[in-house]
N, C-alpha and C. Protein backbone atom coordinates (compact mmCIF):
# COMPACT_ATOMS: atom_id res chain seq x y z
N MET A 1 -21.79 -38.66 18.25
CA MET A 1 -22.50 -37.64 17.52
C MET A 1 -21.51 -36.54 17.13
N PRO A 2 -21.58 -36.09 15.88
CA PRO A 2 -20.65 -35.04 15.45
C PRO A 2 -21.00 -33.69 16.11
N THR A 3 -20.00 -32.86 16.21
CA THR A 3 -20.21 -31.51 16.75
C THR A 3 -20.89 -30.65 15.68
N ILE A 4 -21.40 -29.50 16.10
CA ILE A 4 -22.01 -28.57 15.15
C ILE A 4 -20.98 -28.11 14.12
N GLN A 5 -19.74 -27.94 14.56
CA GLN A 5 -18.68 -27.52 13.63
C GLN A 5 -18.41 -28.60 12.59
N GLU A 6 -18.40 -29.85 13.01
CA GLU A 6 -18.19 -30.95 12.07
C GLU A 6 -19.33 -31.05 11.07
N VAL A 7 -20.56 -30.86 11.54
CA VAL A 7 -21.72 -30.88 10.64
C VAL A 7 -21.62 -29.73 9.64
N THR A 8 -21.27 -28.55 10.14
CA THR A 8 -21.13 -27.38 9.26
C THR A 8 -20.07 -27.63 8.20
N ASP A 9 -18.94 -28.18 8.60
CA ASP A 9 -17.86 -28.48 7.65
C ASP A 9 -18.32 -29.49 6.60
N GLU A 10 -19.07 -30.50 7.01
CA GLU A 10 -19.57 -31.50 6.06
C GLU A 10 -20.56 -30.88 5.09
N VAL A 11 -21.44 -30.02 5.59
CA VAL A 11 -22.42 -29.34 4.73
C VAL A 11 -21.69 -28.49 3.69
N LEU A 12 -20.70 -27.75 4.13
CA LEU A 12 -19.93 -26.91 3.21
C LEU A 12 -19.21 -27.76 2.16
N GLN A 13 -18.66 -28.88 2.59
CA GLN A 13 -17.96 -29.77 1.67
C GLN A 13 -18.93 -30.38 0.65
N LEU A 14 -20.11 -30.79 1.10
CA LEU A 14 -21.11 -31.36 0.20
C LEU A 14 -21.56 -30.32 -0.83
N ALA A 15 -21.80 -29.10 -0.37
CA ALA A 15 -22.23 -28.03 -1.28
C ALA A 15 -21.14 -27.72 -2.30
N ALA A 16 -19.90 -27.64 -1.83
CA ALA A 16 -18.78 -27.36 -2.73
C ALA A 16 -18.66 -28.44 -3.79
N GLY A 17 -18.79 -29.68 -3.38
CA GLY A 17 -18.68 -30.79 -4.32
C GLY A 17 -19.81 -30.82 -5.32
N GLN A 18 -21.02 -30.58 -4.86
CA GLN A 18 -22.18 -30.66 -5.75
C GLN A 18 -22.17 -29.54 -6.79
N PHE A 19 -21.73 -28.35 -6.39
CA PHE A 19 -21.77 -27.21 -7.30
C PHE A 19 -20.40 -26.81 -7.82
N LYS A 20 -19.41 -27.67 -7.59
CA LYS A 20 -18.06 -27.50 -8.12
C LYS A 20 -17.48 -26.10 -7.81
N VAL A 21 -17.57 -25.77 -6.53
CA VAL A 21 -17.02 -24.53 -6.01
C VAL A 21 -15.91 -24.91 -5.05
N PRO A 22 -14.75 -24.24 -5.10
CA PRO A 22 -13.70 -24.57 -4.12
C PRO A 22 -14.22 -24.41 -2.69
N ARG A 23 -13.99 -25.41 -1.87
CA ARG A 23 -14.45 -25.40 -0.47
C ARG A 23 -13.96 -24.16 0.25
N ALA A 24 -12.75 -23.72 -0.05
CA ALA A 24 -12.17 -22.56 0.63
C ALA A 24 -12.96 -21.28 0.38
N GLU A 25 -13.78 -21.25 -0.66
CA GLU A 25 -14.57 -20.06 -0.98
C GLU A 25 -15.88 -19.99 -0.19
N LEU A 26 -16.21 -21.04 0.53
CA LEU A 26 -17.47 -21.09 1.27
C LEU A 26 -17.23 -20.96 2.77
N SER A 27 -18.11 -20.20 3.43
CA SER A 27 -18.03 -20.11 4.88
C SER A 27 -19.43 -20.26 5.48
N ALA A 28 -19.48 -20.55 6.76
CA ALA A 28 -20.73 -20.89 7.43
C ALA A 28 -21.79 -19.81 7.31
N GLY A 29 -21.41 -18.56 7.32
CA GLY A 29 -22.37 -17.47 7.27
C GLY A 29 -22.86 -17.10 5.88
N ASP A 30 -22.33 -17.75 4.86
CA ASP A 30 -22.72 -17.43 3.48
C ASP A 30 -24.16 -17.79 3.19
N ASP A 31 -24.82 -16.93 2.44
CA ASP A 31 -26.14 -17.22 1.88
C ASP A 31 -25.89 -18.18 0.72
N PHE A 32 -26.39 -19.40 0.83
CA PHE A 32 -26.05 -20.39 -0.20
C PHE A 32 -26.67 -20.08 -1.56
N PHE A 33 -27.80 -19.39 -1.59
CA PHE A 33 -28.38 -19.00 -2.88
C PHE A 33 -27.44 -18.04 -3.61
N LYS A 34 -26.96 -17.04 -2.89
CA LYS A 34 -26.09 -16.03 -3.50
C LYS A 34 -24.69 -16.58 -3.78
N LYS A 35 -24.13 -17.26 -2.80
CA LYS A 35 -22.74 -17.72 -2.94
C LYS A 35 -22.59 -18.78 -4.02
N LEU A 36 -23.57 -19.68 -4.10
CA LEU A 36 -23.49 -20.75 -5.10
C LEU A 36 -24.17 -20.37 -6.41
N GLY A 37 -24.92 -19.27 -6.39
CA GLY A 37 -25.64 -18.85 -7.59
C GLY A 37 -26.71 -19.85 -8.00
N ILE A 38 -27.46 -20.36 -7.01
CA ILE A 38 -28.45 -21.41 -7.28
C ILE A 38 -29.87 -20.89 -7.11
N ASP A 39 -30.81 -21.62 -7.71
CA ASP A 39 -32.22 -21.30 -7.55
C ASP A 39 -32.85 -22.30 -6.58
N SER A 40 -34.15 -22.18 -6.38
CA SER A 40 -34.81 -23.02 -5.38
C SER A 40 -34.78 -24.50 -5.75
N LEU A 41 -34.87 -24.84 -7.03
CA LEU A 41 -34.79 -26.25 -7.42
C LEU A 41 -33.41 -26.84 -7.14
N GLN A 42 -32.38 -26.06 -7.40
CA GLN A 42 -31.03 -26.52 -7.10
C GLN A 42 -30.82 -26.63 -5.59
N ALA A 43 -31.44 -25.74 -4.83
CA ALA A 43 -31.35 -25.82 -3.37
C ALA A 43 -32.03 -27.09 -2.87
N LEU A 44 -33.15 -27.46 -3.48
CA LEU A 44 -33.82 -28.71 -3.10
C LEU A 44 -32.96 -29.92 -3.41
N ALA A 45 -32.26 -29.89 -4.53
CA ALA A 45 -31.36 -30.99 -4.88
C ALA A 45 -30.23 -31.09 -3.86
N LEU A 46 -29.70 -29.94 -3.45
CA LEU A 46 -28.65 -29.93 -2.42
C LEU A 46 -29.19 -30.48 -1.11
N LEU A 47 -30.38 -30.05 -0.74
CA LEU A 47 -30.99 -30.52 0.50
C LEU A 47 -31.19 -32.03 0.47
N SER A 48 -31.66 -32.55 -0.64
CA SER A 48 -31.84 -34.00 -0.77
C SER A 48 -30.51 -34.73 -0.61
N HIS A 49 -29.48 -34.19 -1.22
CA HIS A 49 -28.14 -34.78 -1.12
C HIS A 49 -27.66 -34.77 0.34
N ILE A 50 -27.90 -33.66 1.02
CA ILE A 50 -27.50 -33.53 2.43
C ILE A 50 -28.29 -34.49 3.31
N GLU A 51 -29.61 -34.58 3.08
CA GLU A 51 -30.43 -35.51 3.87
C GLU A 51 -29.96 -36.95 3.69
N ASN A 52 -29.65 -37.33 2.47
CA ASN A 52 -29.16 -38.68 2.21
C ASN A 52 -27.81 -38.91 2.90
N HIS A 53 -26.95 -37.93 2.85
CA HIS A 53 -25.63 -38.05 3.47
C HIS A 53 -25.73 -38.28 4.98
N PHE A 54 -26.61 -37.51 5.64
CA PHE A 54 -26.74 -37.59 7.09
C PHE A 54 -27.80 -38.59 7.55
N HIS A 55 -28.51 -39.20 6.60
CA HIS A 55 -29.57 -40.17 6.91
C HIS A 55 -30.65 -39.55 7.80
N ILE A 56 -31.11 -38.37 7.41
CA ILE A 56 -32.16 -37.66 8.15
C ILE A 56 -33.19 -37.13 7.15
N GLU A 57 -34.28 -36.63 7.68
CA GLU A 57 -35.27 -35.92 6.87
C GLU A 57 -35.59 -34.61 7.58
N LEU A 58 -35.48 -33.53 6.86
CA LEU A 58 -35.77 -32.21 7.41
C LEU A 58 -37.14 -31.76 6.90
N PRO A 59 -38.09 -31.55 7.79
CA PRO A 59 -39.41 -31.08 7.36
C PRO A 59 -39.33 -29.68 6.76
N ASP A 60 -40.20 -29.41 5.81
CA ASP A 60 -40.21 -28.11 5.14
C ASP A 60 -40.34 -26.95 6.12
N TYR A 61 -41.19 -27.12 7.15
CA TYR A 61 -41.40 -26.01 8.08
C TYR A 61 -40.12 -25.63 8.83
N GLU A 62 -39.18 -26.55 8.98
CA GLU A 62 -37.92 -26.24 9.65
C GLU A 62 -36.95 -25.49 8.75
N LEU A 63 -37.22 -25.52 7.46
CA LEU A 63 -36.29 -24.91 6.51
C LEU A 63 -36.77 -23.59 5.95
N GLN A 64 -37.99 -23.19 6.28
CA GLN A 64 -38.50 -21.92 5.79
C GLN A 64 -37.62 -20.78 6.27
N GLY A 65 -37.16 -19.98 5.33
CA GLY A 65 -36.33 -18.83 5.66
C GLY A 65 -34.86 -19.14 5.86
N VAL A 66 -34.47 -20.42 5.80
CA VAL A 66 -33.07 -20.79 5.97
C VAL A 66 -32.33 -20.55 4.66
N THR A 67 -31.33 -19.67 4.70
CA THR A 67 -30.56 -19.39 3.49
C THR A 67 -29.05 -19.45 3.72
N ASP A 68 -28.63 -19.65 4.97
CA ASP A 68 -27.18 -19.71 5.22
C ASP A 68 -26.79 -21.09 5.72
N PHE A 69 -25.54 -21.43 5.46
CA PHE A 69 -25.02 -22.75 5.81
C PHE A 69 -25.05 -23.00 7.32
N ARG A 70 -24.78 -21.98 8.12
CA ARG A 70 -24.73 -22.14 9.58
C ARG A 70 -26.09 -22.59 10.13
N THR A 71 -27.15 -21.93 9.69
CA THR A 71 -28.49 -22.28 10.17
C THR A 71 -28.90 -23.66 9.67
N LEU A 72 -28.57 -23.94 8.42
CA LEU A 72 -28.87 -25.26 7.87
C LEU A 72 -28.16 -26.35 8.67
N ALA A 73 -26.90 -26.13 8.98
CA ALA A 73 -26.14 -27.10 9.77
C ALA A 73 -26.73 -27.28 11.16
N ALA A 74 -27.21 -26.19 11.75
CA ALA A 74 -27.82 -26.28 13.09
C ALA A 74 -29.11 -27.12 13.03
N ARG A 75 -29.90 -26.96 11.99
CA ARG A 75 -31.12 -27.76 11.85
C ARG A 75 -30.78 -29.23 11.64
N ILE A 76 -29.74 -29.50 10.88
CA ILE A 76 -29.29 -30.88 10.66
C ILE A 76 -28.79 -31.47 11.97
N HIS A 77 -27.96 -30.73 12.68
CA HIS A 77 -27.37 -31.19 13.94
C HIS A 77 -28.46 -31.55 14.94
N ALA A 78 -29.53 -30.78 14.97
CA ALA A 78 -30.64 -31.04 15.90
C ALA A 78 -31.35 -32.36 15.59
N ARG A 79 -31.24 -32.84 14.36
CA ARG A 79 -31.91 -34.08 13.95
C ARG A 79 -31.01 -35.32 14.11
N LEU A 80 -29.74 -35.12 14.39
CA LEU A 80 -28.83 -36.27 14.50
C LEU A 80 -28.94 -36.95 15.85
């Protein structure tokens, strides 16, 4: 099982790739809406991409209020 740091790094890499942002510009504490300049539909697309990558499904109730990469990675890690 990957560590929380490994999951966080993968989430950041996936987000950087999907939105064509240099990985070095993203950090775990960043608000992904603000940092990536995305709206809720784009966030759902990112979430779908992440779920497919990790072969998990994150229920909506677990994601309410989640806006930073660190918290998102923690929710993913808990499902692995």
